[in-house]
Amino acid sequence: MENADEAGISDAYRRDFSPAQWEDFMERAKQRAHDARARALPDVARSVGRLLYRLARGTATALGRSWRAYARWRKHQRAMAQLAALDNHMLKDIGIDRSEIEAAVRGRDADDMLQRQLAA
C-alpha cells in the first residue's frame, strides 16, 4: 500500500479516517485513476495511429518521388548512351551535334536547337 506522502495526502487529512476508511479511500482513488487511464488509452492509441499513418504516407510519397526520379534518370542515361553510340553523320541526320546529346535528351534548349536546325 502507498503511504500518505506518495498519495499526496497530508498526515492531518489521513487522521480523519479510520484505518478501514483509509483503505477504502485509497482503493477508490486507485480505481478512479485506473478508470481515467482506461478512458484515455483509446485516445492515445488513436493519436499514435494517426501519427504512424501520416509518417507512413509521407515516407511512401517520398519513396515514390525518389523512385520516379531515379527511373527518369535511368531513361535519360539509356537514351544518351544510344545517341552517343551513333556516328556523327547519323546524329547530323537527326539534327543534333554530339555536344547537344544531353540537351536533346533532357529537353533543355529545345527551342535553341530548333532555331539552329531551321537556320542550317
Protein backbone atom coordinates (compact mmCIF):
# COMPACT_ATOMS: atom_id res chain seq x y z
CA MET A 1 0.00 0.00 0.00
CA GLU A 2 1.15 3.53 -0.77
CA ASN A 3 1.97 5.79 2.10
CA ALA A 4 0.25 9.14 2.52
CA ASP A 5 3.21 11.09 1.10
CA GLU A 6 3.13 9.08 -2.13
CA ALA A 7 -0.60 9.63 -2.48
CA GLY A 8 -0.12 13.37 -1.97
CA ILE A 9 -2.26 13.44 1.15
CA SER A 10 -1.12 15.11 4.34
CA ASP A 11 -1.00 13.24 7.64
CA ALA A 12 -3.55 15.67 9.10
CA TYR A 13 -6.10 14.67 6.46
CA ARG A 14 -5.34 10.99 6.99
CA ARG A 15 -6.02 11.27 10.73
CA ASP A 16 -9.68 11.99 9.93
CA PHE A 17 -10.01 8.42 8.60
CA SER A 18 -10.05 5.15 10.45
CA PRO A 19 -7.67 2.53 9.01
CA ALA A 20 -10.57 0.79 7.24
CA GLN A 21 -11.84 4.11 5.84
CA TRP A 22 -8.33 4.96 4.71
CA GLU A 23 -8.02 1.61 2.90
CA ASP A 24 -11.40 2.19 1.24
CA PHE A 25 -10.42 5.74 0.27
CA MET A 26 -7.14 4.56 -1.27
CA GLU A 27 -8.84 1.73 -3.18
CA ARG A 28 -11.42 4.13 -4.62
CA ALA A 29 -8.64 6.58 -5.59
CA LYS A 30 -6.73 3.79 -7.31
CA GLN A 31 -9.89 2.68 -9.11
CA ARG A 32 -10.61 6.25 -10.29
CA ALA A 33 -7.05 6.57 -11.57
CA HIS A 34 -7.33 3.20 -13.31
CA ASP A 35 -10.66 4.20 -14.92
CA ALA A 36 -9.21 7.54 -16.07
CA ARG A 37 -6.26 5.76 -17.70
CA ALA A 38 -8.64 3.28 -19.35
CA ARG A 39 -10.68 6.15 -20.80
CA ALA A 40 -7.56 7.97 -22.02
CA LEU A 41 -5.90 4.95 -23.61
CA PRO A 42 -8.13 4.78 -26.74
CA ASP A 43 -7.46 8.47 -27.41
CA VAL A 44 -3.73 7.95 -27.07
CA ALA A 45 -3.86 4.87 -29.30
CA ARG A 46 -5.88 6.78 -31.91
CA SER A 47 -3.38 9.67 -31.85
CA VAL A 48 -0.44 7.30 -32.21
CA GLY A 49 -2.23 5.52 -35.05
CA ARG A 50 -2.80 8.80 -36.89
CA LEU A 51 0.81 9.77 -36.40
CA LEU A 52 2.05 6.44 -37.74
CA TYR A 53 -0.33 6.67 -40.71
CA ARG A 54 0.92 10.15 -41.60
CA LEU A 55 4.51 9.06 -41.20
CA ALA A 56 3.97 6.01 -43.43
CA ARG A 57 2.10 8.07 -46.03
CA GLY A 58 4.84 10.71 -46.10
CA THR A 59 7.53 8.06 -46.38
CA ALA A 60 5.67 6.31 -49.20
CA THR A 61 5.24 9.61 -51.04
CA ALA A 62 8.93 10.44 -50.70
CA LEU A 63 9.94 6.96 -51.83
CA GLY A 64 7.59 7.20 -54.80
CA ARG A 65 9.06 10.52 -55.86
CA SER A 66 12.57 9.20 -55.45
CA TRP A 67 11.80 6.10 -57.49
CA ARG A 68 10.22 8.14 -60.30
CA ALA A 69 13.23 10.49 -60.36
CA TYR A 70 15.59 7.51 -60.50
CA ALA A 71 13.56 5.88 -63.31
CA ARG A 72 13.58 9.16 -65.26
CA TRP A 73 17.36 9.48 -64.77
CA ARG A 74 17.91 5.88 -65.97
CA LYS A 75 15.71 6.51 -69.03
CA HIS A 76 17.77 9.61 -69.90
CA GLN A 77 21.03 7.72 -69.35
CA ARG A 78 19.92 4.94 -71.73
CA ALA A 79 18.81 7.46 -74.37
CA MET A 80 22.11 9.37 -74.12
CA ALA A 81 24.08 6.13 -74.41
CA GLN A 82 22.10 5.13 -77.51
CA LEU A 83 22.64 8.51 -79.15
CA ALA A 84 26.32 8.55 -78.18
CA ALA A 85 26.70 5.20 -79.95
CA LEU A 86 25.64 6.80 -83.27
CA ASP A 87 28.28 8.25 -85.56
CA ASN A 88 28.42 11.99 -86.26
CA HIS A 89 26.76 11.62 -89.68
CA MET A 90 23.71 9.89 -88.20
CA LEU A 91 23.49 12.48 -85.43
CA LYS A 92 23.57 15.23 -88.07
CA ASP A 93 20.76 13.44 -89.96
CA ILE A 94 18.51 13.69 -86.90
CA GLY A 95 19.52 17.32 -86.36
CA ILE A 96 21.85 17.28 -83.37
CA ASP A 97 25.57 17.57 -82.77
CA ARG A 98 27.40 15.26 -80.39
CA SER A 99 27.68 18.15 -77.93
CA GLU A 100 23.87 18.52 -77.90
CA ILE A 101 23.03 14.93 -76.94
CA GLU A 102 22.36 15.64 -73.29
CA ALA A 103 20.32 18.75 -74.06
CA ALA A 104 18.30 16.83 -76.64
CA VAL A 105 17.54 14.01 -74.24
CA ARG A 106 16.74 16.18 -71.25
CA GLY A 107 14.74 18.66 -73.30
CA ARG A 108 16.91 21.65 -72.49
CA ASP A 109 17.42 24.33 -75.09
CA ALA A 110 15.00 22.59 -77.45
CA ASP A 111 13.92 25.93 -78.94
CA ASP A 112 17.55 26.93 -79.49
CA MET A 113 18.29 23.60 -81.21
CA LEU A 114 15.20 24.02 -83.41
CA GLN A 115 16.28 27.53 -84.42
CA ARG A 116 19.76 26.26 -85.35
CA GLN A 117 18.28 23.42 -87.34
CA LEU A 118 15.97 25.78 -89.25
CA ALA A 119 18.83 28.19 -89.91
CA ALA A 120 21.00 25.43 -91.43
